[in-house]
Amino acid sequence: MEFRFTEEEEEFRREVRQFLQGEPETIEKVRREEASGEGWGPATWEFLRKAGARGYLTPSWPKKYGGLDASHMKRYIAAEEMAYAASRVATSGVGIAGPVILRFGTEKQKETFLPQISRGEIEFSLGYTEPQAGSDLASLEMRAVRDGEYYVIDGQKMFNTACHYSQFHWLAARTDPSARKHRGISLFIVNMNSPGITVRPLTGLGKLRTNEVFYDGVKVPKERLVGEENHGWEYLTAALAFERTWIAGETIYDFERLLDYIRNTKRDGRLIADDPVVRQNIAQLAVEIEVARLLALRVACMINKDAIPSYETAMAKLYGTETAYRLNDEWRKLLGNYGQLDMGSLHAFEDGRMGRVFYSRATRAMITAGTSEIMRNIVAVQMGLPRG
């Protein structure tokens, strides 16, 4: 087993890193927009377009759709470098909708959406969760009824985070209410400007804006059905596997910031790094972050060899998000009362980004895209352990 990248892959990493190092002002603005909780602003769109123009958003896609015809491992490298440099810039279009369209979509859908996704010009919001359907997603009730050349859609979605700045809704709706609940679901690409769509803001953990979305007789052309009607659960679970592919870059960046902080900050007349308890905690975190990264690389390596990860993606998501939570909890403890200050407070460390804001969002990450409990169930069942 080889625990290093090839020289070609390392050269690609240096190329991506050089690009990122040339965009310090834009990246700092991206971090501020992300920390605000309001979603993407002008700087994020600018950054994504610049990265997309170089093929860094979708390097493993075919060139005709905006990719580089590169390996999946290069895709992981680019994503890790961008997460390290610019925090949460991974897009649902790149990571979820795009791969499903590439595998199951029509040629027209590929030609229409994939190049725009690859260039960082459009984004998708996930339209999965409903008031009664979260972890048990197959219980969704939003209806899509075929009417000639259109589907007419009615219902409500919850926690659709990007709907106030995305152009398209990656929507799961029930097309056959008489079928078993996993069998009657279809996936649609819906223009967010369609008449009958209402978006209302919700505030989540860490003051992160998400949304509830209402559909009232929304007409969607039949050409926007992804794959076959009533086969949406198959595509949706494939999309969830892409969504759960954890990337280590942001956690590594936050850990390095923590090291800088304890090495250069004194408390009671001595450096925090000299405290043996703190040293033990930091050493433990270093081990856990390396394990989390190796789990993520295992998934990338499997996909790179055209293998299909089963429980491996759930393992990586579970361990990665819980490690990120423990890291942010360590930040909160070391900052003490200052870690409770909100953004905009006079004495908030890094304007509250490290501490209160990111601690709340690390908590949220263990819930979204499948809770830690769900991930453990997936791992147990797919390893052959009996159901409880």
Protein backbone atom coordinates (compact mmCIF):
# COMPACT_ATOMS: atom_id res chain seq x y z
CA MET A 1 0.00 0.00 0.00
CA GLU A 2 1.37 3.42 -1.00
CA PHE A 3 0.69 6.21 1.48
CA ARG A 4 1.75 9.08 -0.74
CA PHE A 5 0.55 10.85 -3.86
CA THR A 6 2.31 10.33 -7.19
CA GLU A 7 4.68 13.01 -8.41
CA GLU A 8 2.08 14.01 -11.02
CA GLU A 9 -0.52 14.42 -8.27
CA GLU A 10 1.89 16.43 -6.13
CA GLU A 11 2.60 18.69 -9.09
CA PHE A 12 -1.14 19.23 -9.47
CA ARG A 13 -1.37 20.08 -5.75
CA ARG A 14 1.40 22.67 -6.18
CA GLU A 15 -0.43 24.13 -9.17
CA VAL A 16 -3.72 24.48 -7.26
CA ARG A 17 -1.92 25.87 -4.21
CA GLN A 18 -0.11 28.46 -6.32
CA PHE A 19 -3.44 29.65 -7.71
CA LEU A 20 -4.91 29.91 -4.21
CA GLN A 21 -1.90 31.78 -2.85
CA GLY A 22 -2.41 34.34 -5.61
CA GLU A 23 -5.93 35.20 -4.39
CA PRO A 24 -5.44 36.33 -0.76
CA GLU A 25 -7.86 39.27 -0.82
CA THR A 26 -10.65 37.33 -2.51
CA ILE A 27 -10.20 34.36 -0.18
CA GLU A 28 -10.34 36.54 2.93
CA LYS A 29 -13.62 38.00 1.65
CA VAL A 30 -14.89 34.46 1.01
CA ARG A 31 -14.13 33.53 4.61
CA ARG A 32 -15.98 36.60 5.87
CA GLU A 33 -19.01 35.81 3.74
CA GLU A 34 -19.03 32.22 5.00
CA ALA A 35 -18.68 33.29 8.63
CA SER A 36 -21.60 35.72 8.30
CA GLY A 37 -24.00 32.82 7.83
CA GLU A 38 -25.87 34.58 5.02
CA GLY A 39 -24.53 32.39 2.24
CA TRP A 40 -22.57 33.21 -0.87
CA GLY A 41 -21.82 36.80 -1.77
CA PRO A 42 -19.90 38.43 -4.65
CA ALA A 43 -16.49 37.24 -3.44
CA THR A 44 -17.55 33.58 -3.29
CA TRP A 45 -18.99 33.71 -6.80
CA GLU A 46 -15.81 35.42 -8.04
CA PHE A 47 -13.61 32.80 -6.40
CA LEU A 48 -15.63 29.88 -7.81
CA ARG A 49 -15.56 31.32 -11.33
CA LYS A 50 -11.79 31.76 -11.16
CA ALA A 51 -11.30 28.21 -9.86
CA GLY A 52 -13.79 26.86 -12.39
CA ALA A 53 -12.02 28.55 -15.30
CA ARG A 54 -8.97 26.43 -14.46
CA GLY A 55 -10.97 23.22 -14.13
CA TYR A 56 -10.28 22.94 -10.40
CA LEU A 57 -13.93 22.52 -9.38
CA THR A 58 -14.45 19.40 -11.51
CA PRO A 59 -11.04 18.03 -12.57
CA SER A 60 -12.33 14.45 -12.89
CA TRP A 61 -15.11 15.39 -15.34
CA PRO A 62 -14.70 15.03 -19.12
CA LYS A 63 -13.20 18.06 -20.85
CA LYS A 64 -16.31 18.55 -22.96
CA TYR A 65 -18.23 19.31 -19.76
CA GLY A 66 -15.57 21.62 -18.31
CA GLY A 67 -13.37 19.13 -16.51
CA LEU A 68 -9.75 18.09 -17.01
CA ASP A 69 -10.26 14.36 -17.69
CA ALA A 70 -8.16 13.83 -14.56
CA SER A 71 -8.33 11.17 -11.88
CA HIS A 72 -10.70 11.30 -8.93
CA MET A 73 -7.66 11.59 -6.69
CA LYS A 74 -6.89 14.94 -8.31
CA ARG A 75 -10.45 15.96 -7.59
CA TYR A 76 -9.86 15.18 -3.91
CA ILE A 77 -6.58 17.11 -3.93
CA ALA A 78 -8.19 20.20 -5.44
CA ALA A 79 -11.12 20.03 -3.01
CA GLU A 80 -8.81 19.60 -0.01
CA GLU A 81 -6.61 22.53 -1.03
CA MET A 82 -9.61 24.81 -1.61
CA ALA A 83 -11.21 23.79 1.70
CA TYR A 84 -7.93 24.58 3.46
CA ALA A 85 -7.53 27.96 1.79
CA ALA A 86 -11.10 29.20 1.58
CA SER A 87 -13.20 27.27 4.12
CA ARG A 88 -16.60 25.93 2.98
CA VAL A 89 -16.68 26.53 -0.77
CA ALA A 90 -17.72 23.04 -1.88
CA THR A 91 -20.88 23.33 -3.95
CA SER A 92 -23.93 21.10 -4.23
CA GLY A 93 -23.71 21.42 -8.00
CA VAL A 94 -20.15 20.11 -8.06
CA GLY A 95 -20.51 17.49 -5.34
CA ILE A 96 -24.09 16.21 -5.69
CA ALA A 97 -26.20 17.32 -8.65
CA GLY A 98 -23.36 17.28 -11.18
CA PRO A 99 -22.17 13.70 -10.54
CA VAL A 100 -25.76 12.40 -10.68
CA ILE A 101 -26.49 14.26 -13.92
CA LEU A 102 -23.22 12.92 -15.34
CA ARG A 103 -24.25 9.35 -14.50
CA PHE A 104 -28.04 9.36 -14.98
CA GLY A 105 -29.00 12.56 -16.83
CA THR A 106 -29.92 13.02 -20.49
CA GLU A 107 -27.36 14.37 -22.93
CA LYS A 108 -29.30 17.63 -23.08
CA GLN A 109 -29.14 17.95 -19.29
CA LYS A 110 -25.41 17.26 -19.35
CA GLU A 111 -24.76 19.85 -22.06
CA THR A 112 -26.99 22.42 -20.34
CA PHE A 113 -25.88 22.14 -16.71
CA LEU A 114 -22.47 20.48 -16.42
CA PRO A 115 -20.37 23.18 -18.14
CA GLN A 116 -22.05 25.90 -16.06
CA ILE A 117 -21.47 23.94 -12.85
CA SER A 118 -17.86 23.34 -13.83
CA ARG A 119 -17.27 27.05 -14.51
CA GLY A 120 -18.73 28.04 -11.14
CA GLU A 121 -21.59 29.94 -12.76
CA ILE A 122 -24.58 28.20 -11.16
CA GLU A 123 -25.44 26.48 -7.89
CA PHE A 124 -28.07 23.97 -6.76
CA SER A 125 -29.90 23.86 -3.45
CA LEU A 126 -30.89 20.46 -2.09
CA GLY A 127 -34.66 20.01 -1.91
CA TYR A 128 -34.92 16.91 0.25
CA THR A 129 -36.08 17.50 3.85
CA GLU A 130 -39.73 18.16 4.71
CA PRO A 131 -41.39 18.90 8.07
CA GLN A 132 -42.18 15.19 8.53
CA ALA A 133 -39.28 13.73 6.50
CA GLY A 134 -35.73 14.26 7.70
CA SER A 135 -33.71 11.19 8.66
CA ASP A 136 -36.55 9.08 7.24
CA LEU A 137 -36.31 10.86 3.90
CA ALA A 138 -38.42 8.28 2.05
CA SER A 139 -41.43 9.63 3.97
CA LEU A 140 -41.44 12.81 1.87
CA GLU A 141 -44.89 13.91 0.67
CA MET A 142 -44.30 16.70 -1.88
CA ARG A 143 -46.35 15.73 -4.94
CA ALA A 144 -45.38 15.96 -8.60
CA VAL A 145 -48.25 15.17 -11.00
CA ARG A 146 -47.67 14.72 -14.73
CA ASP A 147 -49.77 17.11 -16.83
CA GLY A 148 -48.89 16.88 -20.52
CA GLU A 149 -45.41 18.33 -21.09
CA TYR A 150 -45.04 19.38 -17.46
CA TYR A 151 -45.07 18.12 -13.90
CA VAL A 152 -47.14 20.19 -11.49
CA ILE A 153 -45.57 20.25 -8.04
CA ASP A 154 -47.12 21.15 -4.68
CA GLY A 155 -45.76 20.90 -1.16
CA GLN A 156 -43.19 22.19 1.32
CA LYS A 157 -39.47 21.69 1.93
CA MET A 158 -37.42 22.59 5.02
CA PHE A 159 -33.78 23.50 5.67
CA ASN A 160 -32.96 24.12 2.01
CA THR A 161 -29.93 26.24 2.77
CA ALA A 162 -28.82 27.64 -0.59
CA CYS A 163 -32.25 28.51 -1.99
CA HIS A 164 -31.80 32.27 -1.51
CA TYR A 165 -28.71 32.41 -3.74
CA SER A 166 -28.84 29.29 -5.94
CA GLN A 167 -30.35 29.24 -9.41
CA PHE A 168 -31.74 25.69 -9.29
CA HIS A 169 -33.46 23.37 -6.84
CA TRP A 170 -32.35 19.71 -6.78
CA LEU A 171 -35.81 18.49 -5.84
CA ALA A 172 -37.11 15.13 -4.64
CA ALA A 173 -40.87 14.70 -5.00
CA ARG A 174 -43.38 11.85 -4.95
CA THR A 175 -44.68 10.88 -8.39
CA ASP A 176 -46.46 7.66 -7.42
CA PRO A 177 -48.23 7.88 -4.04
CA SER A 178 -49.53 4.31 -4.37
CA ALA A 179 -46.05 2.77 -4.56
CA ARG A 180 -43.96 1.71 -1.58
CA LYS A 181 -42.39 4.82 -0.13
CA HIS A 182 -38.91 4.18 -1.57
CA ARG A 183 -40.33 3.38 -5.01
CA GLY A 184 -42.49 6.36 -5.94
CA ILE A 185 -39.97 9.22 -5.74
CA SER A 186 -38.48 11.22 -8.63
CA LEU A 187 -35.74 13.83 -8.90
CA PHE A 188 -36.19 17.16 -10.71
CA ILE A 189 -34.11 20.17 -11.67
CA VAL A 190 -36.28 23.20 -10.91
CA ASN A 191 -35.51 26.80 -11.80
CA MET A 192 -35.76 28.84 -8.60
CA ASN A 193 -37.43 31.67 -10.55
CA SER A 194 -40.40 29.45 -11.44
CA PRO A 195 -43.81 30.99 -10.62
CA GLY A 196 -45.35 29.50 -7.48
CA ILE A 197 -42.12 29.10 -5.45
CA THR A 198 -41.90 31.00 -2.14
CA VAL A 199 -38.70 31.05 -0.06
CA ARG A 200 -38.80 32.04 3.61
CA PRO A 201 -35.66 32.38 5.76
CA LEU A 202 -34.91 30.25 8.81
CA THR A 203 -32.01 30.79 11.21
CA GLY A 204 -30.00 27.71 12.14
CA LEU A 205 -27.15 26.92 14.52
CA GLY A 206 -24.35 29.47 14.39
CA LYS A 207 -26.70 32.06 12.85
CA LEU A 208 -26.52 30.15 9.59
CA ARG A 209 -29.35 31.05 7.26
CA THR A 210 -31.35 28.21 5.82
CA ASN A 211 -34.84 28.27 4.27
CA GLU A 212 -38.29 26.75 4.08
CA VAL A 213 -39.61 26.53 0.54
CA PHE A 214 -43.23 26.32 -0.61
CA TYR A 215 -44.41 25.03 -4.02
CA ASP A 216 -47.88 26.08 -5.14
CA GLY A 217 -48.75 24.60 -8.54
CA VAL A 218 -45.20 24.96 -9.86
CA LYS A 219 -44.91 23.74 -13.47
CA VAL A 220 -41.66 21.94 -14.30
CA PRO A 221 -40.95 20.80 -17.89
CA LYS A 222 -40.70 17.02 -18.24
CA GLU A 223 -37.19 17.48 -19.65
CA ARG A 224 -36.10 18.44 -16.14
CA LEU A 225 -36.89 14.98 -14.74
CA VAL A 226 -33.56 13.36 -13.85
CA GLY A 227 -33.34 9.76 -15.06
CA GLU A 228 -36.49 7.66 -14.97
CA GLU A 229 -39.71 8.52 -13.20
CA ASN A 230 -40.09 6.79 -9.81
CA HIS A 231 -36.40 5.85 -9.71
CA GLY A 232 -35.41 8.93 -7.73
CA TRP A 233 -34.52 7.06 -4.54
CA GLU A 234 -31.73 5.26 -6.41
CA TYR A 235 -30.34 8.57 -7.65
CA LEU A 236 -30.94 10.31 -4.35
CA THR A 237 -28.95 7.74 -2.37
CA ALA A 238 -26.14 8.00 -4.92
CA ALA A 239 -26.21 11.78 -4.40
CA LEU A 240 -26.09 11.34 -0.63
CA ALA A 241 -22.96 9.24 -1.02
CA PHE A 242 -21.34 12.12 -2.89
CA GLU A 243 -22.56 14.60 -0.25
CA ARG A 244 -21.07 12.54 2.57
CA THR A 245 -17.59 12.52 1.01
CA TRP A 246 -15.76 14.38 3.77
CA ILE A 247 -12.84 16.71 2.96
CA ALA A 248 -10.10 17.30 5.54
CA GLY A 249 -8.77 20.68 4.38
CA GLU A 250 -10.83 23.02 6.54
CA THR A 251 -10.24 21.00 9.71
CA ILE A 252 -6.49 20.95 9.06
CA TYR A 253 -6.52 24.74 8.63
CA ASP A 254 -8.43 25.26 11.89
CA PHE A 255 -6.06 22.90 13.72
CA GLU A 256 -3.01 24.81 12.48
CA ARG A 257 -4.63 28.05 13.67
CA LEU A 258 -5.11 26.40 17.07
CA LEU A 259 -1.42 25.46 17.19
CA ASP A 260 -0.43 29.05 16.38
CA TYR A 261 -2.73 30.32 19.11
CA ILE A 262 -1.41 28.14 21.93
CA ARG A 263 2.22 28.65 20.88
CA ASN A 264 1.89 32.42 20.96
CA THR A 265 -0.63 33.12 23.73
CA LYS A 266 0.20 33.37 27.42
CA ARG A 267 -2.11 32.66 30.32
CA ASP A 268 -1.08 33.27 33.94
CA GLY A 269 2.38 34.23 32.75
CA ARG A 270 3.17 31.17 30.64
CA LEU A 271 2.42 29.91 27.15
CA ILE A 272 -0.73 27.84 26.83
CA ALA A 273 1.34 25.28 24.93
CA ASP A 274 3.34 24.58 28.10
CA ASP A 275 0.26 23.24 29.89
CA PRO A 276 0.60 19.41 29.89
CA VAL A 277 -3.17 18.89 29.76
CA VAL A 278 -3.46 21.11 26.71
CA ARG A 279 -0.53 19.30 25.08
CA GLN A 280 -2.24 15.95 25.63
CA ASN A 281 -5.50 17.23 24.13
CA ILE A 282 -3.74 18.71 21.11
CA ALA A 283 -1.76 15.53 20.52
CA GLN A 284 -4.98 13.50 20.62
CA LEU A 285 -6.58 15.86 18.11
CA ALA A 286 -3.57 15.56 15.79
CA VAL A 287 -3.99 11.77 15.77
CA GLU A 288 -7.74 11.97 15.16
CA ILE A 289 -7.39 14.47 12.31
CA GLU A 290 -4.86 12.22 10.59
CA VAL A 291 -7.20 9.23 10.96
CA ALA A 292 -10.11 11.29 9.58
CA ARG A 293 -8.02 12.34 6.58
CA LEU A 294 -6.98 8.75 5.89
CA LEU A 295 -10.62 7.63 5.96
CA ALA A 296 -11.46 10.37 3.44
CA LEU A 297 -8.52 9.37 1.26
CA ARG A 298 -9.68 5.76 1.39
CA VAL A 299 -12.99 6.79 -0.17
CA ALA A 300 -11.19 8.86 -2.82
CA CYS A 301 -8.85 5.97 -3.58
CA MET A 302 -11.74 3.53 -3.99
CA ILE A 303 -13.57 5.83 -6.39
CA ASN A 304 -10.28 6.42 -8.23
CA LYS A 305 -10.13 2.65 -8.87
CA ASP A 306 -13.79 2.56 -10.00
CA ALA A 307 -14.79 0.74 -6.81
CA ILE A 308 -18.05 1.70 -5.13
CA PRO A 309 -17.68 2.77 -1.47
CA SER A 310 -20.48 1.41 0.69
CA TYR A 311 -20.06 2.01 4.40
CA GLU A 312 -16.72 3.79 3.80
CA THR A 313 -18.39 7.13 3.00
CA ALA A 314 -20.50 6.89 6.15
CA MET A 315 -17.38 6.12 8.20
CA ALA A 316 -15.52 9.11 6.75
CA LYS A 317 -18.45 11.48 7.27
CA LEU A 318 -19.06 10.24 10.82
CA TYR A 319 -15.47 10.38 11.99
CA GLY A 320 -14.63 13.56 10.11
CA THR A 321 -17.52 15.65 11.42
CA GLU A 322 -17.11 14.37 14.99
CA THR A 323 -13.38 15.15 14.86
CA ALA A 324 -14.16 18.66 13.60
CA TYR A 325 -16.59 19.05 16.51
CA ARG A 326 -13.94 17.98 19.04
CA LEU A 327 -11.49 20.46 17.49
CA ASN A 328 -13.97 23.31 17.76
CA ASP A 329 -14.81 22.25 21.32
CA GLU A 330 -11.10 22.56 22.17
CA TRP A 331 -11.10 26.05 20.65
CA ARG A 332 -14.11 26.96 22.78
CA LYS A 333 -12.48 25.70 25.99
CA LEU A 334 -9.17 27.44 25.34
CA LEU A 335 -10.84 30.76 24.52
CA GLY A 336 -12.89 30.54 27.71
CA ASN A 337 -15.51 33.26 28.08
CA TYR A 338 -14.14 35.00 24.99
CA GLY A 339 -15.21 31.96 23.00
CA GLN A 340 -18.84 32.76 23.84
CA LEU A 341 -18.71 36.20 22.21
CA ASP A 342 -20.63 36.67 19.00
CA MET A 343 -19.49 38.15 15.72
CA GLY A 344 -19.20 41.92 16.01
CA SER A 345 -18.37 41.85 19.73
CA LEU A 346 -15.40 44.07 20.61
CA HIS A 347 -13.31 41.34 22.27
CA ALA A 348 -14.37 38.38 20.11
CA PHE A 349 -11.38 36.39 18.86
CA GLU A 350 -11.18 36.58 15.06
CA ASP A 351 -14.58 38.32 15.15
CA GLY A 352 -16.16 35.29 16.76
CA ARG A 353 -15.36 32.91 13.94
CA MET A 354 -13.27 30.63 16.15
CA GLY A 355 -15.31 29.72 19.18
CA ARG A 356 -19.02 30.37 19.21
CA VAL A 357 -19.81 30.49 15.47
CA PHE A 358 -17.79 27.52 14.23
CA TYR A 359 -18.57 25.48 17.34
CA SER A 360 -22.27 25.80 16.54
CA ARG A 361 -21.70 24.88 12.92
CA ALA A 362 -19.56 21.88 13.84
CA THR A 363 -22.53 20.68 15.88
CA ARG A 364 -24.78 21.19 12.88
CA ALA A 365 -22.41 19.19 10.61
CA MET A 366 -23.04 16.08 12.71
CA ILE A 367 -26.75 16.38 11.88
CA THR A 368 -26.92 17.44 8.23
CA ALA A 369 -26.44 14.90 5.41
CA GLY A 370 -27.30 12.18 7.91
CA THR A 371 -26.88 12.26 11.67
CA SER A 372 -24.00 10.49 13.40
CA GLU A 373 -26.51 7.89 14.67
CA ILE A 374 -27.68 7.22 11.10
CA MET A 375 -24.06 6.91 9.94
CA ARG A 376 -23.37 4.33 12.65
CA ASN A 377 -26.45 2.37 11.58
CA ILE A 378 -25.27 2.40 7.94
CA VAL A 379 -21.83 1.15 8.92
CA ALA A 380 -23.27 -1.58 11.16
CA VAL A 381 -25.83 -2.83 8.63
CA GLN A 382 -23.44 -2.83 5.67
CA MET A 383 -20.83 -4.69 7.69
CA GLY A 384 -23.41 -7.42 8.23
CA LEU A 385 -24.31 -6.73 11.82
CA PRO A 386 -27.94 -7.49 12.76
CA ARG A 387 -30.47 -4.67 12.86
CA GLY A 388 -31.60 -3.55 16.30
